[in-house]
Amino acid sequence: MDKRRENLLKWTQTALLAALCFVSFTFLQIKIPMPGGDATSLHIGNAFCVLAALLLGGGYGGLAGAVGMTIADLLDPVYLVSAPKTFVLKLGIGLITGLVAHRIAKIGESRDQKYIFKWSILASVCGLAFNVVFDPLVGYFYKMYILGQPQEMASVLAKWSTATTFVNAVVSVILVALLYRVLRPLLEKAGILVRPR
């Protein structure tokens, strides 16, 4: 595959996966209202962020997740003020997942299905574990010091956010394990599987 076609393919798939992040968060979420007009939610948006990193590498995958989920936040009055935090955290999920999958395990170069499956799960767990720890933590300080919320409200939201982020992570790992196992061979057969570097 020539360089121009590969770049076009990467950007096209990045845009598609960003759209999937947006749609899955916006339309497939269960919003849990919190005190002060805030909310947390159960959703599968992070699954597509991780899937993007497995398919495209950490940079493009993280960008897909960051852009898709940030746009979703910007269009939702409840999450509007969280958009900058979302961009950074989703980019982090993608970069960590991509680092483990493609820099450490080099799954893009392997043909061993068991090896690919094992490392795609480990990479997903690493990226989403980052989110389970840092989403509530960053959210707590962001709400208190940037948005000026009282400590009690920020603390309650952080506790609920920890619970929902953990549930989202578990569901996302399972979903990504299934999707990646199916999509990778299909994309490879069609000649449109990008080789992350």
N, C-alpha and C. Protein backbone atom coordinates (compact mmCIF):
# COMPACT_ATOMS: atom_id res chain seq x y z
N MET A 1 0.85 -1.18 0.00
CA MET A 1 0.00 0.00 0.00
C MET A 1 0.90 1.24 0.00
N ASP A 2 0.62 2.17 -0.96
CA ASP A 2 1.46 3.37 -1.01
C ASP A 2 1.13 4.32 0.14
N LYS A 3 2.07 5.23 0.42
CA LYS A 3 2.00 6.11 1.59
C LYS A 3 0.76 7.01 1.57
N ARG A 4 0.43 7.56 0.40
CA ARG A 4 -0.74 8.45 0.31
C ARG A 4 -2.03 7.70 0.62
N ARG A 5 -2.16 6.51 0.06
CA ARG A 5 -3.37 5.71 0.30
C ARG A 5 -3.45 5.31 1.77
N GLU A 6 -2.32 4.95 2.35
CA GLU A 6 -2.30 4.56 3.76
C GLU A 6 -2.69 5.73 4.66
N ASN A 7 -2.18 6.92 4.38
CA ASN A 7 -2.56 8.10 5.17
C ASN A 7 -4.04 8.42 5.05
N LEU A 8 -4.56 8.33 3.83
CA LEU A 8 -6.00 8.57 3.62
C LEU A 8 -6.82 7.55 4.39
N LEU A 9 -6.38 6.30 4.34
CA LEU A 9 -7.07 5.23 5.05
C LEU A 9 -7.04 5.47 6.56
N LYS A 10 -5.89 5.87 7.09
CA LYS A 10 -5.77 6.15 8.52
C LYS A 10 -6.72 7.26 8.95
N TRP A 11 -6.73 8.36 8.19
CA TRP A 11 -7.58 9.49 8.56
C TRP A 11 -9.06 9.16 8.40
N THR A 12 -9.38 8.38 7.39
CA THR A 12 -10.78 7.97 7.19
C THR A 12 -11.24 7.09 8.35
N GLN A 13 -10.41 6.13 8.72
CA GLN A 13 -10.77 5.24 9.82
C GLN A 13 -10.79 5.99 11.16
N THR A 14 -9.88 6.95 11.31
CA THR A 14 -9.87 7.78 12.53
C THR A 14 -11.19 8.54 12.64
N ALA A 15 -11.63 9.13 11.54
CA ALA A 15 -12.90 9.88 11.54
C ALA A 15 -14.08 8.96 11.82
N LEU A 16 -14.07 7.77 11.23
CA LEU A 16 -15.16 6.81 11.44
C LEU A 16 -15.22 6.38 12.91
N LEU A 17 -14.07 6.09 13.49
CA LEU A 17 -14.04 5.66 14.88
C LEU A 17 -14.37 6.82 15.83
N ALA A 18 -13.99 8.04 15.47
CA ALA A 18 -14.40 9.21 16.26
C ALA A 18 -15.93 9.32 16.25
N ALA A 19 -16.52 9.10 15.08
CA ALA A 19 -17.99 9.14 14.97
C ALA A 19 -18.62 8.05 15.82
N LEU A 20 -18.02 6.85 15.84
CA LEU A 20 -18.55 5.76 16.67
C LEU A 20 -18.44 6.09 18.15
N CYS A 21 -17.36 6.74 18.55
CA CYS A 21 -17.22 7.19 19.95
C CYS A 21 -18.34 8.18 20.29
N PHE A 22 -18.55 9.13 19.39
CA PHE A 22 -19.59 10.14 19.60
C PHE A 22 -20.97 9.50 19.72
N VAL A 23 -21.31 8.66 18.74
CA VAL A 23 -22.65 8.04 18.70
C VAL A 23 -22.87 7.14 19.91
N SER A 24 -21.88 6.31 20.22
CA SER A 24 -22.06 5.37 21.33
C SER A 24 -22.19 6.09 22.67
N PHE A 25 -21.49 7.21 22.84
CA PHE A 25 -21.63 7.96 24.08
C PHE A 25 -22.94 8.75 24.11
N THR A 26 -23.26 9.39 23.02
CA THR A 26 -24.43 10.26 22.98
C THR A 26 -25.75 9.49 23.04
N PHE A 27 -25.83 8.40 22.31
CA PHE A 27 -27.12 7.72 22.16
C PHE A 27 -27.23 6.40 22.92
N LEU A 28 -26.12 5.86 23.40
CA LEU A 28 -26.16 4.58 24.10
C LEU A 28 -25.64 4.72 25.52
N GLN A 29 -26.11 5.73 26.21
CA GLN A 29 -25.67 5.95 27.58
C GLN A 29 -26.86 5.96 28.54
N ILE A 30 -26.56 5.62 29.77
CA ILE A 30 -27.55 5.75 30.85
C ILE A 30 -26.99 6.83 31.76
N LYS A 31 -27.61 7.98 31.70
CA LYS A 31 -27.13 9.13 32.47
C LYS A 31 -27.65 9.03 33.90
N ILE A 32 -26.77 9.26 34.87
CA ILE A 32 -27.12 9.24 36.29
C ILE A 32 -26.98 10.66 36.83
N PRO A 33 -28.11 11.35 37.04
CA PRO A 33 -28.04 12.73 37.54
C PRO A 33 -27.40 12.81 38.92
N MET A 34 -26.62 13.86 39.12
CA MET A 34 -25.92 14.07 40.39
C MET A 34 -26.32 15.44 40.95
N PRO A 35 -26.03 15.68 42.24
CA PRO A 35 -26.35 17.00 42.83
C PRO A 35 -25.67 18.14 42.07
N GLY A 36 -26.33 19.26 42.03
CA GLY A 36 -25.77 20.46 41.40
C GLY A 36 -25.90 20.48 39.89
N GLY A 37 -26.76 19.63 39.34
CA GLY A 37 -26.97 19.63 37.89
C GLY A 37 -25.92 18.85 37.11
N ASP A 38 -25.05 18.17 37.81
CA ASP A 38 -24.01 17.38 37.16
C ASP A 38 -24.54 15.98 36.88
N ALA A 39 -23.70 15.13 36.28
CA ALA A 39 -24.10 13.75 35.99
C ALA A 39 -22.88 12.89 35.76
N THR A 40 -23.09 11.61 35.90
CA THR A 40 -22.13 10.60 35.47
C THR A 40 -22.94 9.63 34.61
N SER A 41 -22.28 8.72 33.89
CA SER A 41 -23.07 7.85 33.03
C SER A 41 -22.42 6.51 32.78
N LEU A 42 -23.27 5.56 32.46
CA LEU A 42 -22.83 4.25 31.99
C LEU A 42 -22.89 4.33 30.47
N HIS A 43 -21.80 3.99 29.80
CA HIS A 43 -21.75 4.11 28.33
C HIS A 43 -20.66 3.21 27.77
N ILE A 44 -20.65 3.06 26.44
CA ILE A 44 -19.62 2.23 25.80
C ILE A 44 -18.72 3.06 24.87
N GLY A 45 -18.71 4.36 25.06
CA GLY A 45 -17.87 5.23 24.23
C GLY A 45 -16.39 4.89 24.33
N ASN A 46 -15.94 4.54 25.54
CA ASN A 46 -14.52 4.21 25.73
C ASN A 46 -14.13 2.95 24.96
N ALA A 47 -15.07 2.05 24.74
CA ALA A 47 -14.77 0.83 23.99
C ALA A 47 -14.28 1.18 22.59
N PHE A 48 -14.89 2.17 21.97
CA PHE A 48 -14.49 2.53 20.61
C PHE A 48 -13.18 3.32 20.60
N CYS A 49 -12.90 4.01 21.70
CA CYS A 49 -11.60 4.68 21.84
C CYS A 49 -10.49 3.63 21.89
N VAL A 50 -10.70 2.57 22.68
CA VAL A 50 -9.73 1.49 22.78
C VAL A 50 -9.62 0.72 21.47
N LEU A 51 -10.76 0.44 20.86
CA LEU A 51 -10.77 -0.26 19.57
C LEU A 51 -9.97 0.54 18.53
N ALA A 52 -10.15 1.84 18.53
CA ALA A 52 -9.42 2.70 17.60
C ALA A 52 -7.91 2.59 17.83
N ALA A 53 -7.49 2.55 19.08
CA ALA A 53 -6.06 2.44 19.38
C ALA A 53 -5.51 1.08 18.96
N LEU A 54 -6.31 0.03 19.10
CA LEU A 54 -5.86 -1.29 18.67
C LEU A 54 -5.75 -1.37 17.16
N LEU A 55 -6.69 -0.76 16.46
CA LEU A 55 -6.70 -0.81 15.00
C LEU A 55 -5.72 0.16 14.36
N LEU A 56 -5.58 1.36 14.93
CA LEU A 56 -4.83 2.43 14.28
C LEU A 56 -3.54 2.83 14.98
N GLY A 57 -3.35 2.36 16.20
CA GLY A 57 -2.21 2.80 16.99
C GLY A 57 -2.64 3.87 17.98
N GLY A 58 -1.77 4.15 18.94
CA GLY A 58 -2.12 5.06 20.01
C GLY A 58 -2.42 6.48 19.59
N GLY A 59 -1.65 7.03 18.68
CA GLY A 59 -1.85 8.42 18.26
C GLY A 59 -3.18 8.64 17.56
N TYR A 60 -3.40 7.90 16.49
CA TYR A 60 -4.65 8.05 15.74
C TYR A 60 -5.85 7.56 16.56
N GLY A 61 -5.66 6.45 17.28
CA GLY A 61 -6.75 5.92 18.10
C GLY A 61 -7.11 6.86 19.23
N GLY A 62 -6.08 7.41 19.90
CA GLY A 62 -6.35 8.36 20.97
C GLY A 62 -7.03 9.61 20.45
N LEU A 63 -6.61 10.05 19.28
CA LEU A 63 -7.22 11.23 18.67
C LEU A 63 -8.69 10.97 18.32
N ALA A 64 -8.97 9.77 17.80
CA ALA A 64 -10.36 9.42 17.48
C ALA A 64 -11.23 9.47 18.73
N GLY A 65 -10.75 8.86 19.80
CA GLY A 65 -11.51 8.87 21.05
C GLY A 65 -11.65 10.26 21.63
N ALA A 66 -10.57 11.02 21.62
CA ALA A 66 -10.58 12.37 22.18
C ALA A 66 -11.53 13.28 21.42
N VAL A 67 -11.46 13.25 20.10
CA VAL A 67 -12.32 14.12 19.28
C VAL A 67 -13.78 13.70 19.39
N GLY A 68 -14.05 12.40 19.22
CA GLY A 68 -15.44 11.92 19.27
C GLY A 68 -16.12 12.19 20.59
N MET A 69 -15.43 11.88 21.67
CA MET A 69 -16.03 12.05 23.00
C MET A 69 -16.10 13.53 23.41
N THR A 70 -15.13 14.33 22.97
CA THR A 70 -15.16 15.76 23.28
C THR A 70 -16.31 16.45 22.56
N ILE A 71 -16.52 16.09 21.30
CA ILE A 71 -17.67 16.66 20.58
C ILE A 71 -18.97 16.27 21.27
N ALA A 72 -19.05 15.02 21.73
CA ALA A 72 -20.25 14.58 22.46
C ALA A 72 -20.45 15.43 23.71
N ASP A 73 -19.38 15.72 24.44
CA ASP A 73 -19.48 16.58 25.62
C ASP A 73 -19.92 18.00 25.26
N LEU A 74 -19.34 18.53 24.18
CA LEU A 74 -19.66 19.90 23.78
C LEU A 74 -21.13 20.07 23.38
N LEU A 75 -21.74 18.99 22.92
CA LEU A 75 -23.14 19.07 22.48
C LEU A 75 -24.14 18.68 23.56
N ASP A 76 -23.66 18.36 24.75
CA ASP A 76 -24.52 17.99 25.87
C ASP A 76 -24.35 19.04 26.97
N PRO A 77 -25.41 19.79 27.28
CA PRO A 77 -25.28 20.86 28.29
C PRO A 77 -24.75 20.38 29.64
N VAL A 78 -25.03 19.13 30.01
CA VAL A 78 -24.57 18.61 31.29
C VAL A 78 -23.05 18.41 31.30
N TYR A 79 -22.50 17.98 30.15
CA TYR A 79 -21.07 17.66 30.08
C TYR A 79 -20.23 18.75 29.41
N LEU A 80 -20.84 19.80 28.96
CA LEU A 80 -20.15 20.85 28.22
C LEU A 80 -18.87 21.32 28.90
N VAL A 81 -18.94 21.60 30.19
CA VAL A 81 -17.77 22.13 30.90
C VAL A 81 -16.68 21.08 31.12
N SER A 82 -17.01 19.81 30.90
CA SER A 82 -16.03 18.73 31.08
C SER A 82 -15.25 18.42 29.81
N ALA A 83 -15.55 19.09 28.72
CA ALA A 83 -14.94 18.76 27.43
C ALA A 83 -13.40 18.79 27.45
N PRO A 84 -12.74 19.79 28.04
CA PRO A 84 -11.27 19.77 28.04
C PRO A 84 -10.69 18.55 28.77
N LYS A 85 -11.30 18.21 29.90
CA LYS A 85 -10.88 17.04 30.67
C LYS A 85 -11.08 15.77 29.85
N THR A 86 -12.18 15.67 29.17
CA THR A 86 -12.48 14.51 28.33
C THR A 86 -11.44 14.34 27.24
N PHE A 87 -11.08 15.44 26.58
CA PHE A 87 -10.11 15.36 25.49
C PHE A 87 -8.79 14.75 25.98
N VAL A 88 -8.30 15.24 27.10
CA VAL A 88 -7.02 14.76 27.64
C VAL A 88 -7.11 13.30 28.07
N LEU A 89 -8.17 12.93 28.78
CA LEU A 89 -8.29 11.57 29.29
C LEU A 89 -8.48 10.55 28.17
N LYS A 90 -9.29 10.86 27.17
CA LYS A 90 -9.52 9.91 26.07
C LYS A 90 -8.27 9.76 25.21
N LEU A 91 -7.55 10.86 25.04
CA LEU A 91 -6.27 10.77 24.33
C LEU A 91 -5.32 9.86 25.12
N GLY A 92 -5.34 9.98 26.44
CA GLY A 92 -4.52 9.12 27.30
C GLY A 92 -4.88 7.65 27.16
N ILE A 93 -6.18 7.34 27.12
CA ILE A 93 -6.61 5.95 26.94
C ILE A 93 -6.01 5.39 25.65
N GLY A 94 -6.14 6.14 24.57
CA GLY A 94 -5.63 5.68 23.28
C GLY A 94 -4.13 5.51 23.26
N LEU A 95 -3.40 6.49 23.82
CA LEU A 95 -1.94 6.42 23.82
C LEU A 95 -1.43 5.22 24.63
N ILE A 96 -2.04 4.98 25.78
CA ILE A 96 -1.60 3.85 26.61
C ILE A 96 -1.96 2.52 25.95
N THR A 97 -3.17 2.40 25.44
CA THR A 97 -3.57 1.17 24.76
C THR A 97 -2.65 0.90 23.57
N GLY A 98 -2.41 1.93 22.78
CA GLY A 98 -1.53 1.79 21.61
C GLY A 98 -0.11 1.44 22.00
N LEU A 99 0.40 2.04 23.07
CA LEU A 99 1.75 1.76 23.55
C LEU A 99 1.90 0.27 23.89
N VAL A 100 0.96 -0.24 24.67
CA VAL A 100 1.03 -1.64 25.09
C VAL A 100 0.84 -2.58 23.90
N ALA A 101 -0.16 -2.30 23.07
CA ALA A 101 -0.48 -3.20 21.96
C ALA A 101 0.57 -3.19 20.85
N HIS A 102 1.04 -2.00 20.50
CA HIS A 102 1.87 -1.89 19.29
C HIS A 102 3.34 -1.64 19.55
N ARG A 103 3.69 -0.98 20.62
CA ARG A 103 5.11 -0.72 20.91
C ARG A 103 5.72 -1.86 21.74
N ILE A 104 4.95 -2.34 22.72
CA ILE A 104 5.46 -3.40 23.59
C ILE A 104 5.20 -4.78 22.97
N ALA A 105 3.93 -5.08 22.67
CA ALA A 105 3.57 -6.42 22.17
C ALA A 105 3.69 -6.57 20.66
N LYS A 106 3.65 -5.47 19.95
CA LYS A 106 3.75 -5.47 18.48
C LYS A 106 2.72 -6.42 17.84
N ILE A 107 1.46 -6.29 18.26
CA ILE A 107 0.43 -7.18 17.75
C ILE A 107 0.17 -7.01 16.26
N GLY A 108 0.50 -5.84 15.73
CA GLY A 108 0.31 -5.61 14.29
C GLY A 108 1.21 -6.48 13.43
N GLU A 109 2.31 -6.96 14.01
CA GLU A 109 3.26 -7.79 13.26
C GLU A 109 3.03 -9.28 13.47
N SER A 110 2.12 -9.64 14.35
CA SER A 110 1.92 -11.05 14.70
C SER A 110 0.77 -11.67 13.89
N ARG A 111 0.89 -12.98 13.69
CA ARG A 111 -0.18 -13.75 13.05
C ARG A 111 -0.80 -14.74 14.06
N ASP A 112 -0.19 -14.84 15.22
CA ASP A 112 -0.63 -15.77 16.26
C ASP A 112 -1.90 -15.22 16.93
N GLN A 113 -3.04 -15.85 16.66
CA GLN A 113 -4.33 -15.35 17.15
C GLN A 113 -4.42 -15.32 18.67
N LYS A 114 -3.84 -16.33 19.35
CA LYS A 114 -3.88 -16.34 20.82
C LYS A 114 -3.04 -15.18 21.38
N TYR A 115 -1.90 -14.96 20.79
CA TYR A 115 -1.02 -13.87 21.21
C TYR A 115 -1.72 -12.52 21.01
N ILE A 116 -2.31 -12.33 19.85
CA ILE A 116 -3.01 -11.09 19.53
C ILE A 116 -4.17 -10.87 20.49
N PHE A 117 -4.93 -11.93 20.74
CA PHE A 117 -6.09 -11.83 21.62
C PHE A 117 -5.65 -11.46 23.04
N LYS A 118 -4.63 -12.16 23.54
CA LYS A 118 -4.12 -11.91 24.90
C LYS A 118 -3.65 -10.46 25.04
N TRP A 119 -2.84 -10.00 24.09
CA TRP A 119 -2.27 -8.66 24.21
C TRP A 119 -3.30 -7.57 23.91
N SER A 120 -4.29 -7.85 23.09
CA SER A 120 -5.33 -6.85 22.86
C SER A 120 -6.14 -6.64 24.14
N ILE A 121 -6.36 -7.73 24.88
CA ILE A 121 -7.07 -7.60 26.16
C ILE A 121 -6.19 -6.86 27.18
N LEU A 122 -4.92 -7.25 27.27
CA LEU A 122 -4.01 -6.57 28.21
C LEU A 122 -3.89 -5.07 27.90
N ALA A 123 -3.78 -4.75 26.63
CA ALA A 123 -3.67 -3.34 26.23
C ALA A 123 -4.95 -2.58 26.59
N SER A 124 -6.10 -3.23 26.35
CA SER A 124 -7.39 -2.62 26.69
C SER A 124 -7.49 -2.37 28.19
N VAL A 125 -7.08 -3.36 28.97
CA VAL A 125 -7.13 -3.23 30.43
C VAL A 125 -6.22 -2.09 30.89
N CYS A 126 -5.04 -1.98 30.32
CA CYS A 126 -4.11 -0.90 30.70
C CYS A 126 -4.70 0.48 30.39
N GLY A 127 -5.21 0.65 29.18
CA GLY A 127 -5.79 1.94 28.79
C GLY A 127 -6.98 2.31 29.65
N LEU A 128 -7.84 1.33 29.91
CA LEU A 128 -9.04 1.61 30.69
C LEU A 128 -8.75 1.71 32.19
N ALA A 129 -7.72 1.01 32.67
CA ALA A 129 -7.32 1.16 34.08
C ALA A 129 -6.83 2.59 34.33
N PHE A 130 -6.10 3.13 33.37
CA PHE A 130 -5.69 4.54 33.44
C PHE A 130 -6.93 5.42 33.63
N ASN A 131 -7.97 5.16 32.85
CA ASN A 131 -9.19 5.96 32.92
C ASN A 131 -9.92 5.77 34.25
N VAL A 132 -9.96 4.53 34.76
CA VAL A 132 -10.64 4.27 36.03
C VAL A 132 -9.99 5.06 37.16
N VAL A 133 -8.67 5.19 37.12
CA VAL A 133 -7.97 5.94 38.16
C VAL A 133 -8.06 7.45 37.93
N PHE A 134 -7.76 7.86 36.70
CA PHE A 134 -7.58 9.30 36.47
C PHE A 134 -8.87 10.05 36.14
N ASP A 135 -9.90 9.40 35.62
CA ASP A 135 -11.14 10.12 35.34
C ASP A 135 -11.74 10.71 36.62
N PRO A 136 -11.94 9.90 37.67
CA PRO A 136 -12.47 10.49 38.92
C PRO A 136 -11.49 11.45 39.59
N LEU A 137 -10.19 11.12 39.56
CA LEU A 137 -9.19 11.95 40.21
C LEU A 137 -9.06 13.32 39.55
N VAL A 138 -8.90 13.31 38.23
CA VAL A 138 -8.81 14.57 37.49
C VAL A 138 -10.13 15.33 37.61
N GLY A 139 -11.24 14.58 37.53
CA GLY A 139 -12.57 15.20 37.66
C GLY A 139 -12.75 15.91 38.98
N TYR A 140 -12.26 15.29 40.06
CA TYR A 140 -12.37 15.88 41.40
C TYR A 140 -11.66 17.24 41.45
N PHE A 141 -10.40 17.25 41.02
CA PHE A 141 -9.65 18.51 41.06
C PHE A 141 -10.16 19.52 40.04
N TYR A 142 -10.60 19.05 38.89
CA TYR A 142 -11.15 19.91 37.84
C TYR A 142 -12.41 20.62 38.36
N LYS A 143 -13.29 19.84 38.99
CA LYS A 143 -14.55 20.42 39.51
C LYS A 143 -14.26 21.44 40.61
N MET A 144 -13.31 21.11 41.49
CA MET A 144 -13.03 22.01 42.61
C MET A 144 -12.25 23.24 42.20
N TYR A 145 -11.15 23.06 41.47
CA TYR A 145 -10.23 24.18 41.24
C TYR A 145 -10.48 24.94 39.94
N ILE A 146 -11.05 24.28 38.95
CA ILE A 146 -11.34 24.98 37.69
C ILE A 146 -12.78 25.50 37.69
N LEU A 147 -13.72 24.65 38.12
CA LEU A 147 -15.14 25.02 38.07
C LEU A 147 -15.65 25.62 39.38
N GLY A 148 -14.84 25.52 40.44
CA GLY A 148 -15.22 26.16 41.71
C GLY A 148 -16.33 25.46 42.47
N GLN A 149 -16.52 24.17 42.27
CA GLN A 149 -17.55 23.45 43.03
C GLN A 149 -17.06 23.22 44.45
N PRO A 150 -17.99 23.16 45.41
CA PRO A 150 -17.61 22.84 46.79
C PRO A 150 -16.99 21.44 46.87
N GLN A 151 -16.11 21.25 47.81
CA GLN A 151 -15.39 19.99 47.95
C GLN A 151 -16.35 18.80 48.12
N GLU A 152 -17.42 18.99 48.88
CA GLU A 152 -18.37 17.90 49.15
C GLU A 152 -19.01 17.41 47.84
N MET A 153 -19.40 18.36 46.99
CA MET A 153 -20.03 17.97 45.71
C MET A 153 -19.02 17.28 44.80
N ALA A 154 -17.82 17.83 44.73
CA ALA A 154 -16.79 17.23 43.89
C ALA A 154 -16.45 15.83 44.38
N SER A 155 -16.45 15.63 45.69
CA SER A 155 -16.14 14.33 46.28
C SER A 155 -17.23 13.30 45.98
N VAL A 156 -18.48 13.70 46.10
CA VAL A 156 -19.60 12.79 45.78
C VAL A 156 -19.54 12.37 44.32
N LEU A 157 -19.32 13.34 43.44
CA LEU A 157 -19.25 13.03 42.02
C LEU A 157 -18.06 12.11 41.72
N ALA A 158 -16.93 12.33 42.37
CA ALA A 158 -15.75 11.48 42.15
C ALA A 158 -16.02 10.04 42.57
N LYS A 159 -16.73 9.85 43.67
CA LYS A 159 -17.06 8.50 44.13
C LYS A 159 -17.99 7.79 43.13
N TRP A 160 -19.01 8.48 42.70
CA TRP A 160 -19.93 7.89 41.71
C TRP A 160 -19.21 7.66 40.39
N SER A 161 -18.37 8.58 40.02
CA SER A 161 -17.62 8.47 38.78
C SER A 161 -16.69 7.26 38.80
N THR A 162 -16.09 6.99 39.96
CA THR A 162 -15.23 5.81 40.09
C THR A 162 -16.03 4.54 39.80
N ALA A 163 -17.22 4.45 40.38
CA ALA A 163 -18.06 3.26 40.18
C ALA A 163 -18.49 3.11 38.72
N THR A 164 -19.00 4.18 38.12
CA THR A 164 -19.48 4.06 36.73
C THR A 164 -18.32 3.85 35.76
N THR A 165 -17.18 4.49 36.03
CA THR A 165 -16.01 4.33 35.15
C THR A 165 -15.51 2.89 35.20
N PHE A 166 -15.54 2.27 36.38
CA PHE A 166 -15.14 0.87 36.51
C PHE A 166 -16.08 -0.04 35.73
N VAL A 167 -17.38 0.16 35.88
CA VAL A 167 -18.36 -0.65 35.14
C VAL A 167 -18.16 -0.45 33.64
N ASN A 168 -18.00 0.80 33.21
CA ASN A 168 -17.77 1.09 31.79
C ASN A 168 -16.52 0.36 31.29
N ALA A 169 -15.47 0.33 32.11
CA ALA A 169 -14.22 -0.31 31.72
C ALA A 169 -14.39 -1.81 31.53
N VAL A 170 -15.07 -2.45 32.45
CA VAL A 170 -15.28 -3.91 32.36
C VAL A 170 -16.08 -4.24 31.10
N VAL A 171 -17.17 -3.53 30.88
CA VAL A 171 -18.00 -3.76 29.69
C VAL A 171 -17.20 -3.48 28.42
N SER A 172 -16.41 -2.41 28.44
CA SER A 172 -15.62 -2.04 27.26
C SER A 172 -14.56 -3.09 26.92
N VAL A 173 -13.89 -3.64 27.93
CA VAL A 173 -12.88 -4.67 27.66
C VAL A 173 -13.52 -5.88 26.99
N ILE A 174 -14.67 -6.31 27.48
CA ILE A 174 -15.36 -7.46 26.89
C ILE A 174 -15.78 -7.16 25.46
N LEU A 175 -16.38 -5.97 25.26
CA LEU A 175 -16.84 -5.58 23.92
C LEU A 175 -15.68 -5.47 22.94
N VAL A 176 -14.59 -4.85 23.36
CA VAL A 176 -13.43 -4.67 22.49
C VAL A 176 -12.80 -6.02 22.14
N ALA A 177 -12.72 -6.91 23.11
CA ALA A 177 -12.15 -8.24 22.85
C ALA A 177 -12.91 -8.93 21.72
N LEU A 178 -14.22 -8.82 21.75
CA LEU A 178 -15.05 -9.44 20.71
C LEU A 178 -14.92 -8.70 19.37
N LEU A 179 -15.04 -7.38 19.42
CA LEU A 179 -15.00 -6.59 18.18
C LEU A 179 -13.66 -6.69 17.47
N TYR A 180 -12.57 -6.57 18.21
CA TYR A 180 -11.24 -6.60 17.60
C TYR A 180 -10.96 -7.97 16.98
N ARG A 181 -11.38 -9.00 17.68
CA ARG A 181 -11.17 -10.37 17.18
C ARG A 181 -11.89 -10.60 15.86
N VAL A 182 -13.04 -9.96 15.69
CA VAL A 182 -13.82 -10.10 14.45
C VAL A 182 -13.33 -9.12 13.37
N LEU A 183 -13.09 -7.86 13.77
CA LEU A 183 -12.77 -6.81 12.78
C LEU A 183 -11.39 -6.94 12.16
N ARG A 184 -10.40 -7.28 12.96
CA ARG A 184 -9.03 -7.33 12.42
C ARG A 184 -8.92 -8.26 11.21
N PRO A 185 -9.38 -9.53 11.31
CA PRO A 185 -9.28 -10.40 10.13
C PRO A 185 -10.08 -9.89 8.92
N LEU A 186 -11.23 -9.29 9.20
CA LEU A 186 -12.05 -8.75 8.09
C LEU A 186 -11.34 -7.60 7.39
N LEU A 187 -10.77 -6.69 8.16
CA LEU A 187 -10.05 -5.56 7.57
C LEU A 187 -8.80 -6.04 6.84
N GLU A 188 -8.14 -7.04 7.39
CA GLU A 188 -6.95 -7.59 6.76
C GLU A 188 -7.31 -8.24 5.42
N LYS A 189 -8.38 -9.00 5.42
CA LYS A 189 -8.83 -9.67 4.20
C LYS A 189 -9.22 -8.66 3.12
N ALA A 190 -9.82 -7.55 3.56
CA ALA A 190 -10.24 -6.51 2.61
C ALA A 190 -9.07 -5.63 2.17
N GLY A 191 -7.91 -5.81 2.79
CA GLY A 191 -6.74 -5.01 2.42
C GLY A 191 -6.76 -3.59 2.97
N ILE A 192 -7.53 -3.38 4.03
CA ILE A 192 -7.62 -2.02 4.59
C ILE A 192 -7.23 -1.97 6.07
N LEU A 193 -6.48 -2.98 6.51
CA LEU A 193 -5.98 -2.96 7.89
C LEU A 193 -4.73 -2.08 7.91
N VAL A 194 -4.78 -1.05 8.73
CA VAL A 194 -3.65 -0.14 8.87
C VAL A 194 -2.61 -0.81 9.76
N ARG A 195 -1.34 -0.65 9.42
CA ARG A 195 -0.26 -1.20 10.26
C ARG A 195 0.30 -0.07 11.12
N PRO A 196 -0.11 -0.02 12.39
CA PRO A 196 0.43 1.04 13.27
C PRO A 196 1.93 0.91 13.42
N ARG A 197 2.59 2.06 13.49
CA ARG A 197 4.05 2.07 13.66
C ARG A 197 4.41 2.58 15.02
